[in-house]
Amino acid sequence: MKFLAIEKETPGVTEEQFQPHLKPEAARAWELYQAGIFRELYFYEEQSIAVIMLECADMDEARRALDSLPLVQAGLISFDILPLGPYPGFARLFASSG
């Protein structure tokens, strides 16, 4: 199952608080990418947030993967997670009406 995760920074955190976690964060994201859990990673520059496509069995697995990130563990960020399913619009348009 695919999930879209959108980062939310914790209000009031400073750049300095992020610094010690950035290299471990990148290393953990790489591990999750190599494991096939993180499928695509993007950065929305306008708001300085990460946007991640995940492939997981269920919402619990997606949450556990994101919770394993050092910035999440340090309480500096969290994620909104959206489960994604197949687009139904084509079936409405092209399915035979028997």
PDB file of N, CA and C in Angstrom:
ATOM      1  N   MET A   1       0.849  -1.170   0.000  1.00  0.00           N
ATOM      2  CA  MET A   1       0.000   0.000   0.000  1.00  0.00           C
ATOM      3  C   MET A   1       0.894   1.232   0.000  1.00  0.00           C
ATOM      4  N   LYS A   2       0.459   2.252  -0.725  1.00  0.00           N
ATOM      5  CA  LYS A   2       1.229   3.493  -0.804  1.00  0.00           C
ATOM      6  C   LYS A   2       0.698   4.520   0.202  1.00  0.00           C
ATOM      7  N   PHE A   3       1.648   5.297   0.730  1.00  0.00           N
ATOM      8  CA  PHE A   3       1.320   6.366   1.673  1.00  0.00           C
ATOM      9  C   PHE A   3       2.089   7.619   1.277  1.00  0.00           C
ATOM     10  N   LEU A   4       1.450   8.755   1.462  1.00  0.00           N
ATOM     11  CA  LEU A   4       2.093  10.048   1.267  1.00  0.00           C
ATOM     12  C   LEU A   4       2.286  10.663   2.646  1.00  0.00           C
ATOM     13  N   ALA A   5       3.529  10.990   2.989  1.00  0.00           N
ATOM     14  CA  ALA A   5       3.829  11.596   4.286  1.00  0.00           C
ATOM     15  C   ALA A   5       4.308  13.022   4.057  1.00  0.00           C
ATOM     16  N   ILE A   6       3.711  13.956   4.778  1.00  0.00           N
ATOM     17  CA  ILE A   6       4.052  15.366   4.665  1.00  0.00           C
ATOM     18  C   ILE A   6       4.545  15.844   6.029  1.00  0.00           C
ATOM     19  N   GLU A   7       5.756  16.357   6.028  1.00  0.00           N
ATOM     20  CA  GLU A   7       6.396  16.796   7.277  1.00  0.00           C
ATOM     21  C   GLU A   7       5.700  18.016   7.868  1.00  0.00           C
ATOM     22  N   LYS A   8       5.676  18.050   9.189  1.00  0.00           N
ATOM     23  CA  LYS A   8       5.230  19.227   9.944  1.00  0.00           C
ATOM     24  C   LYS A   8       6.315  19.526  10.976  1.00  0.00           C
ATOM     25  N   GLU A   9       6.862  20.741  10.925  1.00  0.00           N
ATOM     26  CA  GLU A   9       7.841  21.127  11.933  1.00  0.00           C
ATOM     27  C   GLU A   9       7.127  21.463  13.230  1.00  0.00           C
ATOM     28  N   THR A  10       7.753  21.111  14.327  1.00  0.00           N
ATOM     29  CA  THR A  10       7.222  21.442  15.638  1.00  0.00           C
ATOM     30  C   THR A  10       7.394  22.947  15.852  1.00  0.00           C
ATOM     31  N   PRO A  11       6.330  23.642  16.228  1.00  0.00           N
ATOM     32  CA  PRO A  11       6.447  25.093  16.439  1.00  0.00           C
ATOM     33  C   PRO A  11       7.515  25.433  17.479  1.00  0.00           C
ATOM     34  N   GLY A  12       8.271  26.483  17.191  1.00  0.00           N
ATOM     35  CA  GLY A  12       9.242  26.997  18.146  1.00  0.00           C
ATOM     36  C   GLY A  12      10.633  26.393  18.080  1.00  0.00           C
ATOM     37  N   VAL A  13      10.830  25.380  17.225  1.00  0.00           N
ATOM     38  CA  VAL A  13      12.176  24.805  17.153  1.00  0.00           C
ATOM     39  C   VAL A  13      13.089  25.706  16.322  1.00  0.00           C
ATOM     40  N   THR A  14      14.381  25.648  16.633  1.00  0.00           N
ATOM     41  CA  THR A  14      15.355  26.494  15.944  1.00  0.00           C
ATOM     42  C   THR A  14      16.227  25.648  15.021  1.00  0.00           C
ATOM     43  N   GLU A  15      16.890  26.320  14.085  1.00  0.00           N
ATOM     44  CA  GLU A  15      17.822  25.651  13.171  1.00  0.00           C
ATOM     45  C   GLU A  15      18.902  24.916  13.950  1.00  0.00           C
ATOM     46  N   GLU A  16      19.361  25.521  15.022  1.00  0.00           N
ATOM     47  CA  GLU A  16      20.419  24.921  15.821  1.00  0.00           C
ATOM     48  C   GLU A  16      19.992  23.574  16.411  1.00  0.00           C
ATOM     49  N   GLN A  17      18.722  23.444  16.736  1.00  0.00           N
ATOM     50  CA  GLN A  17      18.235  22.179  17.285  1.00  0.00           C
ATOM     51  C   GLN A  17      18.277  21.058  16.247  1.00  0.00           C
ATOM     52  N   PHE A  18      18.135  21.403  14.970  1.00  0.00           N
ATOM     53  CA  PHE A  18      18.158  20.408  13.902  1.00  0.00           C
ATOM     54  C   PHE A  18      19.567  19.883  13.622  1.00  0.00           C
ATOM     55  N   GLN A  19      20.562  20.742  13.734  1.00  0.00           N
ATOM     56  CA  GLN A  19      21.911  20.449  13.250  1.00  0.00           C
ATOM     57  C   GLN A  19      22.479  19.099  13.703  1.00  0.00           C
ATOM     58  N   PRO A  20      22.439  18.747  14.978  1.00  0.00           N
ATOM     59  CA  PRO A  20      23.074  17.478  15.369  1.00  0.00           C
ATOM     60  C   PRO A  20      22.366  16.237  14.825  1.00  0.00           C
ATOM     61  N   HIS A  21      21.160  16.397  14.306  1.00  0.00           N
ATOM     62  CA  HIS A  21      20.368  15.252  13.853  1.00  0.00           C
ATOM     63  C   HIS A  21      20.367  15.075  12.333  1.00  0.00           C
ATOM     64  N   LEU A  22      20.919  16.029  11.585  1.00  0.00           N
ATOM     65  CA  LEU A  22      20.769  16.001  10.130  1.00  0.00           C
ATOM     66  C   LEU A  22      21.493  14.825   9.467  1.00  0.00           C
ATOM     67  N   LYS A  23      22.713  14.537   9.868  1.00  0.00           N
ATOM     68  CA  LYS A  23      23.427  13.407   9.268  1.00  0.00           C
ATOM     69  C   LYS A  23      22.778  12.075   9.656  1.00  0.00           C
ATOM     70  N   PRO A  24      22.455  11.835  10.934  1.00  0.00           N
ATOM     71  CA  PRO A  24      21.739  10.599  11.275  1.00  0.00           C
ATOM     72  C   PRO A  24      20.374  10.498  10.575  1.00  0.00           C
ATOM     73  N   GLU A  25      19.710  11.627  10.382  1.00  0.00           N
ATOM     74  CA  GLU A  25      18.423  11.639   9.679  1.00  0.00           C
ATOM     75  C   GLU A  25      18.601  11.155   8.240  1.00  0.00           C
ATOM     76  N   ALA A  26      19.610  11.700   7.557  1.00  0.00           N
ATOM     77  CA  ALA A  26      19.877  11.291   6.177  1.00  0.00           C
ATOM     78  C   ALA A  26      20.260   9.814   6.105  1.00  0.00           C
ATOM     79  N   ALA A  27      21.047   9.348   7.064  1.00  0.00           N
ATOM     80  CA  ALA A  27      21.445   7.935   7.083  1.00  0.00           C
ATOM     81  C   ALA A  27      20.234   7.030   7.270  1.00  0.00           C
ATOM     82  N   ARG A  28      19.327   7.410   8.168  1.00  0.00           N
ATOM     83  CA  ARG A  28      18.129   6.579   8.395  1.00  0.00           C
ATOM     84  C   ARG A  28      17.215   6.619   7.181  1.00  0.00           C
ATOM     85  N   ALA A  29      17.058   7.772   6.554  1.00  0.00           N
ATOM     86  CA  ALA A  29      16.237   7.860   5.335  1.00  0.00           C
ATOM     87  C   ALA A  29      16.829   6.976   4.250  1.00  0.00           C
ATOM     88  N   TRP A  30      18.151   6.949   4.129  1.00  0.00           N
ATOM     89  CA  TRP A  30      18.812   6.084   3.148  1.00  0.00           C
ATOM     90  C   TRP A  30      18.531   4.610   3.444  1.00  0.00           C
ATOM     91  N   GLU A  31      18.597   4.221   4.721  1.00  0.00           N
ATOM     92  CA  GLU A  31      18.284   2.838   5.105  1.00  0.00           C
ATOM     93  C   GLU A  31      16.859   2.468   4.708  1.00  0.00           C
ATOM     94  N   LEU A  32      15.926   3.368   4.975  1.00  0.00           N
ATOM     95  CA  LEU A  32      14.520   3.098   4.634  1.00  0.00           C
ATOM     96  C   LEU A  32      14.318   3.060   3.121  1.00  0.00           C
ATOM     97  N   TYR A  33      15.072   3.862   2.392  1.00  0.00           N
ATOM     98  CA  TYR A  33      15.021   3.829   0.932  1.00  0.00           C
ATOM     99  C   TYR A  33      15.580   2.499   0.414  1.00  0.00           C
ATOM    100  N   GLN A  34      16.714   2.087   0.957  1.00  0.00           N
ATOM    101  CA  GLN A  34      17.327   0.819   0.547  1.00  0.00           C
ATOM    102  C   GLN A  34      16.429  -0.370   0.872  1.00  0.00           C
ATOM    103  N   ALA A  35      15.636  -0.260   1.935  1.00  0.00           N
ATOM    104  CA  ALA A  35      14.718  -1.329   2.328  1.00  0.00           C
ATOM    105  C   ALA A  35      13.441  -1.350   1.486  1.00  0.00           C
ATOM    106  N   GLY A  36      13.264  -0.348   0.610  1.00  0.00           N
ATOM    107  CA  GLY A  36      12.070  -0.298  -0.229  1.00  0.00           C
ATOM    108  C   GLY A  36      10.860   0.305   0.458  1.00  0.00           C
ATOM    109  N   ILE A  37      11.054   0.901   1.622  1.00  0.00           N
ATOM    110  CA  ILE A  37       9.946   1.527   2.349  1.00  0.00           C
ATOM    111  C   ILE A  37       9.764   2.960   1.875  1.00  0.00           C
ATOM    112  N   PHE A  38      10.842   3.717   1.857  1.00  0.00           N
ATOM    113  CA  PHE A  38      10.797   5.049   1.241  1.00  0.00           C
ATOM    114  C   PHE A  38      11.001   4.840  -0.255  1.00  0.00           C
ATOM    115  N   ARG A  39      10.008   5.198  -1.052  1.00  0.00           N
ATOM    116  CA  ARG A  39      10.092   4.996  -2.497  1.00  0.00           C
ATOM    117  C   ARG A  39      10.510   6.266  -3.225  1.00  0.00           C
ATOM    118  N   GLU A  40      10.051   7.411  -2.723  1.00  0.00           N
ATOM    119  CA  GLU A  40      10.390   8.697  -3.326  1.00  0.00           C
ATOM    120  C   GLU A  40      10.484   9.720  -2.196  1.00  0.00           C
ATOM    121  N   LEU A  41      11.477  10.596  -2.297  1.00  0.00           N
ATOM    122  CA  LEU A  41      11.649  11.659  -1.316  1.00  0.00           C
ATOM    123  C   LEU A  41      11.757  12.977  -2.053  1.00  0.00           C
ATOM    124  N   TYR A  42      11.021  13.961  -1.564  1.00  0.00           N
ATOM    125  CA  TYR A  42      11.019  15.283  -2.173  1.00  0.00           C
ATOM    126  C   TYR A  42      11.185  16.328  -1.080  1.00  0.00           C
ATOM    127  N   PHE A  43      11.512  17.527  -1.510  1.00  0.00           N
ATOM    128  CA  PHE A  43      11.626  18.649  -0.590  1.00  0.00           C
ATOM    129  C   PHE A  43      10.819  19.800  -1.155  1.00  0.00           C
ATOM    130  N   TYR A  44       9.827  20.244  -0.418  1.00  0.00           N
ATOM    131  CA  TYR A  44       9.014  21.386  -0.816  1.00  0.00           C
ATOM    132  C   TYR A  44       9.719  22.631  -0.302  1.00  0.00           C
ATOM    133  N   GLU A  45      10.457  23.279  -1.187  1.00  0.00           N
ATOM    134  CA  GLU A  45      11.337  24.371  -0.788  1.00  0.00           C
ATOM    135  C   GLU A  45      10.597  25.579  -0.232  1.00  0.00           C
ATOM    136  N   GLU A  46       9.410  25.843  -0.736  1.00  0.00           N
ATOM    137  CA  GLU A  46       8.671  27.025  -0.293  1.00  0.00           C
ATOM    138  C   GLU A  46       8.399  27.002   1.212  1.00  0.00           C
ATOM    139  N   GLN A  47       8.192  25.802   1.751  1.00  0.00           N
ATOM    140  CA  GLN A  47       7.934  25.686   3.186  1.00  0.00           C
ATOM    141  C   GLN A  47       9.012  24.909   3.933  1.00  0.00           C
ATOM    142  N   SER A  48      10.059  24.493   3.234  1.00  0.00           N
ATOM    143  CA  SER A  48      11.153  23.710   3.828  1.00  0.00           C
ATOM    144  C   SER A  48      10.649  22.457   4.538  1.00  0.00           C
ATOM    145  N   ILE A  49       9.885  21.652   3.815  1.00  0.00           N
ATOM    146  CA  ILE A  49       9.372  20.414   4.398  1.00  0.00           C
ATOM    147  C   ILE A  49       9.634  19.235   3.469  1.00  0.00           C
ATOM    148  N   ALA A  50       9.793  18.074   4.071  1.00  0.00           N
ATOM    149  CA  ALA A  50       9.963  16.835   3.323  1.00  0.00           C
ATOM    150  C   ALA A  50       8.593  16.270   2.947  1.00  0.00           C
ATOM    151  N   VAL A  51       8.554  15.677   1.758  1.00  0.00           N
ATOM    152  CA  VAL A  51       7.364  14.968   1.276  1.00  0.00           C
ATOM    153  C   VAL A  51       7.861  13.594   0.831  1.00  0.00           C
ATOM    154  N   ILE A  52       7.294  12.541   1.399  1.00  0.00           N
ATOM    155  CA  ILE A  52       7.823  11.191   1.195  1.00  0.00           C
ATOM    156  C   ILE A  52       6.709  10.253   0.729  1.00  0.00           C
ATOM    157  N   MET A  53       7.012   9.464  -0.299  1.00  0.00           N
ATOM    158  CA  MET A  53       6.137   8.369  -0.719  1.00  0.00           C
ATOM    159  C   MET A  53       6.677   7.098  -0.074  1.00  0.00           C
ATOM    160  N   LEU A  54       5.803   6.380   0.619  1.00  0.00           N
ATOM    161  CA  LEU A  54       6.198   5.140   1.279  1.00  0.00           C
ATOM    162  C   LEU A  54       5.421   3.974   0.686  1.00  0.00           C
ATOM    163  N   GLU A  55       6.011   2.801   0.736  1.00  0.00           N
ATOM    164  CA  GLU A  55       5.354   1.548   0.368  1.00  0.00           C
ATOM    165  C   GLU A  55       5.396   0.675   1.608  1.00  0.00           C
ATOM    166  N   CYS A  56       4.223   0.459   2.226  1.00  0.00           N
ATOM    167  CA  CYS A  56       4.136  -0.294   3.480  1.00  0.00           C
ATOM    168  C   CYS A  56       2.913  -1.203   3.453  1.00  0.00           C
ATOM    169  N   ALA A  57       2.921  -2.193   4.320  1.00  0.00           N
ATOM    170  CA  ALA A  57       1.790  -3.114   4.412  1.00  0.00           C
ATOM    171  C   ALA A  57       0.546  -2.418   4.945  1.00  0.00           C
ATOM    172  N   ASP A  58       0.736  -1.486   5.884  1.00  0.00           N
ATOM    173  CA  ASP A  58      -0.404  -0.809   6.492  1.00  0.00           C
ATOM    174  C   ASP A  58       0.056   0.495   7.144  1.00  0.00           C
ATOM    175  N   MET A  59      -0.896   1.225   7.700  1.00  0.00           N
ATOM    176  CA  MET A  59      -0.618   2.509   8.327  1.00  0.00           C
ATOM    177  C   MET A  59       0.342   2.356   9.507  1.00  0.00           C
ATOM    178  N   ASP A  60       0.227   1.280  10.266  1.00  0.00           N
ATOM    179  CA  ASP A  60       1.119   1.077  11.411  1.00  0.00           C
ATOM    180  C   ASP A  60       2.572   0.962  10.969  1.00  0.00           C
ATOM    181  N   GLU A  61       2.824   0.242   9.882  1.00  0.00           N
ATOM    182  CA  GLU A  61       4.195   0.115   9.378  1.00  0.00           C
ATOM    183  C   GLU A  61       4.718   1.465   8.897  1.00  0.00           C
ATOM    184  N   ALA A  62       3.876   2.233   8.219  1.00  0.00           N
ATOM    185  CA  ALA A  62       4.275   3.563   7.756  1.00  0.00           C
ATOM    186  C   ALA A  62       4.618   4.456   8.950  1.00  0.00           C
ATOM    187  N   ARG A  63       3.794   4.432   9.979  1.00  0.00           N
ATOM    188  CA  ARG A  63       4.033   5.244  11.170  1.00  0.00           C
ATOM    189  C   ARG A  63       5.331   4.819  11.856  1.00  0.00           C
ATOM    190  N   ARG A  64       5.563   3.510  11.986  1.00  0.00           N
ATOM    191  CA  ARG A  64       6.795   3.032  12.627  1.00  0.00           C
ATOM    192  C   ARG A  64       8.035   3.485  11.851  1.00  0.00           C
ATOM    193  N   ALA A  65       7.966   3.423  10.526  1.00  0.00           N
ATOM    194  CA  ALA A  65       9.108   3.851   9.706  1.00  0.00           C
ATOM    195  C   ALA A  65       9.404   5.328   9.936  1.00  0.00           C
ATOM    196  N   LEU A  66       8.389   6.147   9.898  1.00  0.00           N
ATOM    197  CA  LEU A  66       8.583   7.589  10.090  1.00  0.00           C
ATOM    198  C   LEU A  66       9.022   7.902  11.523  1.00  0.00           C
ATOM    199  N   ASP A  67       8.473   7.175  12.481  1.00  0.00           N
ATOM    200  CA  ASP A  67       8.853   7.389  13.885  1.00  0.00           C
ATOM    201  C   ASP A  67      10.296   6.984  14.160  1.00  0.00           C
ATOM    202  N   SER A  68      10.911   6.217  13.263  1.00  0.00           N
ATOM    203  CA  SER A  68      12.304   5.810  13.461  1.00  0.00           C
ATOM    204  C   SER A  68      13.297   6.883  13.016  1.00  0.00           C
ATOM    205  N   LEU A  69      12.805   7.955  12.418  1.00  0.00           N
ATOM    206  CA  LEU A  69      13.682   9.038  11.979  1.00  0.00           C
ATOM    207  C   LEU A  69      14.166   9.855  13.182  1.00  0.00           C
ATOM    208  N   PRO A  70      15.450  10.183  13.230  1.00  0.00           N
ATOM    209  CA  PRO A  70      15.990  10.936  14.374  1.00  0.00           C
ATOM    210  C   PRO A  70      15.295  12.273  14.651  1.00  0.00           C
ATOM    211  N   LEU A  71      14.881  12.996  13.608  1.00  0.00           N
ATOM    212  CA  LEU A  71      14.198  14.283  13.846  1.00  0.00           C
ATOM    213  C   LEU A  71      12.828  14.081  14.489  1.00  0.00           C
ATOM    214  N   VAL A  72      12.168  12.980  14.160  1.00  0.00           N
ATOM    215  CA  VAL A  72      10.885  12.659  14.800  1.00  0.00           C
ATOM    216  C   VAL A  72      11.143  12.259  16.244  1.00  0.00           C
ATOM    217  N   GLN A  73      12.143  11.411  16.468  1.00  0.00           N
ATOM    218  CA  GLN A  73      12.462  10.954  17.821  1.00  0.00           C
ATOM    219  C   GLN A  73      12.863  12.114  18.728  1.00  0.00           C
ATOM    220  N   ALA A  74      13.490  13.137  18.146  1.00  0.00           N
ATOM    221  CA  ALA A  74      13.890  14.312  18.933  1.00  0.00           C
ATOM    222  C   ALA A  74      12.732  15.287  19.134  1.00  0.00           C
ATOM    223  N   GLY A  75      11.564  15.003  18.545  1.00  0.00           N
ATOM    224  CA  GLY A  75      10.406  15.872  18.707  1.00  0.00           C
ATOM    225  C   GLY A  75      10.461  17.142  17.874  1.00  0.00           C
ATOM    226  N   LEU A  76      11.332  17.173  16.865  1.00  0.00           N
ATOM    227  CA  LEU A  76      11.482  18.373  16.050  1.00  0.00           C
ATOM    228  C   LEU A  76      10.510  18.423  14.878  1.00  0.00           C
ATOM    229  N   ILE A  77      10.089  17.260  14.399  1.00  0.00           N
ATOM    230  CA  ILE A  77       9.120  17.180  13.304  1.00  0.00           C
ATOM    231  C   ILE A  77       8.145  16.049  13.570  1.00  0.00           C
ATOM    232  N   SER A  78       7.052  16.061  12.833  1.00  0.00           N
ATOM    233  CA  SER A  78       6.110  14.950  12.790  1.00  0.00           C
ATOM    234  C   SER A  78       5.624  14.858  11.350  1.00  0.00           C
ATOM    235  N   PHE A  79       4.736  13.921  11.075  1.00  0.00           N
ATOM    236  CA  PHE A  79       4.238  13.742   9.718  1.00  0.00           C
ATOM    237  C   PHE A  79       2.735  13.540   9.707  1.00  0.00           C
ATOM    238  N   ASP A  80       2.077  14.145   8.731  1.00  0.00           N
ATOM    239  CA  ASP A  80       0.724  13.762   8.359  1.00  0.00           C
ATOM    240  C   ASP A  80       0.883  12.634   7.353  1.00  0.00           C
ATOM    241  N   ILE A  81       0.126  11.558   7.522  1.00  0.00           N
ATOM    242  CA  ILE A  81       0.238  10.403   6.631  1.00  0.00           C
ATOM    243  C   ILE A  81      -1.103  10.175   5.946  1.00  0.00           C
ATOM    244  N   LEU A  82      -1.069  10.112   4.618  1.00  0.00           N
ATOM    245  CA  LEU A  82      -2.272   9.894   3.822  1.00  0.00           C
ATOM    246  C   LEU A  82      -2.176   8.552   3.101  1.00  0.00           C
ATOM    247  N   PRO A  83      -3.102   7.601   3.360  1.00  0.00           N
ATOM    248  CA  PRO A  83      -3.099   6.357   2.591  1.00  0.00           C
ATOM    249  C   PRO A  83      -3.635   6.634   1.185  1.00  0.00           C
ATOM    250  N   LEU A  84      -2.998   6.041   0.194  1.00  0.00           N
ATOM    251  CA  LEU A  84      -3.393   6.265  -1.187  1.00  0.00           C
ATOM    252  C   LEU A  84      -3.872   4.967  -1.818  1.00  0.00           C
ATOM    253  N   GLY A  85      -4.949   5.053  -2.587  1.00  0.00           N
ATOM    254  CA  GLY A  85      -5.480   3.905  -3.312  1.00  0.00           C
ATOM    255  C   GLY A  85      -5.534   4.210  -4.792  1.00  0.00           C
ATOM    256  N   PRO A  86      -5.887   3.214  -5.576  1.00  0.00           N
ATOM    257  CA  PRO A  86      -5.989   3.427  -7.016  1.00  0.00           C
ATOM    258  C   PRO A  86      -7.049   4.474  -7.349  1.00  0.00           C
ATOM    259  N   TYR A  87      -6.791   5.225  -8.391  1.00  0.00           N
ATOM    260  CA  TYR A  87      -7.731   6.248  -8.856  1.00  0.00           C
ATOM    261  C   TYR A  87      -8.961   5.561  -9.464  1.00  0.00           C
ATOM    262  N   PRO A  88     -10.172   5.851  -8.959  1.00  0.00           N
ATOM    263  CA  PRO A  88     -11.371   5.171  -9.446  1.00  0.00           C
ATOM    264  C   PRO A  88     -12.013   5.829 -10.669  1.00  0.00           C
ATOM    265  N   GLY A  89     -11.536   6.996 -11.059  1.00  0.00           N
ATOM    266  CA  GLY A  89     -12.182   7.750 -12.125  1.00  0.00           C
ATOM    267  C   GLY A  89     -12.224   7.027 -13.458  1.00  0.00           C
ATOM    268  N   PHE A  90     -11.171   6.286 -13.794  1.00  0.00           N
ATOM    269  CA  PHE A  90     -11.171   5.599 -15.087  1.00  0.00           C
ATOM    270  C   PHE A  90     -12.234   4.520 -15.139  1.00  0.00           C
ATOM    271  N   ALA A  91     -12.436   3.811 -14.042  1.00  0.00           N
ATOM    272  CA  ALA A  91     -13.453   2.761 -14.015  1.00  0.00           C
ATOM    273  C   ALA A  91     -14.846   3.364 -14.249  1.00  0.00           C
ATOM    274  N   ARG A  92     -15.079   4.531 -13.676  1.00  0.00           N
ATOM    275  CA  ARG A  92     -16.386   5.184 -13.883  1.00  0.00           C
ATOM    276  C   ARG A  92     -16.570   5.554 -15.347  1.00  0.00           C
ATOM    277  N   LEU A  93     -15.493   5.921 -16.006  1.00  0.00           N
ATOM    278  CA  LEU A  93     -15.584   6.349 -17.402  1.00  0.00           C
ATOM    279  C   LEU A  93     -15.595   5.205 -18.394  1.00  0.00           C
ATOM    280  N   PHE A  94     -14.794   4.171 -18.147  1.00  0.00           N
ATOM    281  CA  PHE A  94     -14.548   3.168 -19.155  1.00  0.00           C
ATOM    282  C   PHE A  94     -15.068   1.775 -18.837  1.00  0.00           C
ATOM    283  N   ALA A  95     -15.587   1.541 -17.634  1.00  0.00           N
ATOM    284  CA  ALA A  95     -16.106   0.221 -17.295  1.00  0.00           C
ATOM    285  C   ALA A  95     -17.342  -0.050 -18.137  1.00  0.00           C
ATOM    286  N   SER A  96     -17.436  -1.282 -18.588  1.00  0.00           N
ATOM    287  CA  SER A  96     -18.608  -1.627 -19.406  1.00  0.00           C
ATOM    288  C   SER A  96     -19.858  -1.622 -18.525  1.00  0.00           C
ATOM    289  N   SER A  97     -20.933  -1.185 -19.102  1.00  0.00           N
ATOM    290  CA  SER A  97     -22.183  -1.061 -18.336  1.00  0.00           C
ATOM    291  C   SER A  97     -23.073  -2.275 -18.559  1.00  0.00           C
ATOM    292  N   GLY A  98     -22.451  -3.410 -18.863  1.00  0.00           N
ATOM    293  CA  GLY A  98     -23.052  -4.716 -18.948  1.00  0.00           C
ATOM    294  C   GLY A  98     -24.333  -4.812 -19.563  1.00  0.00           C
TER     295      GLY A  98
END
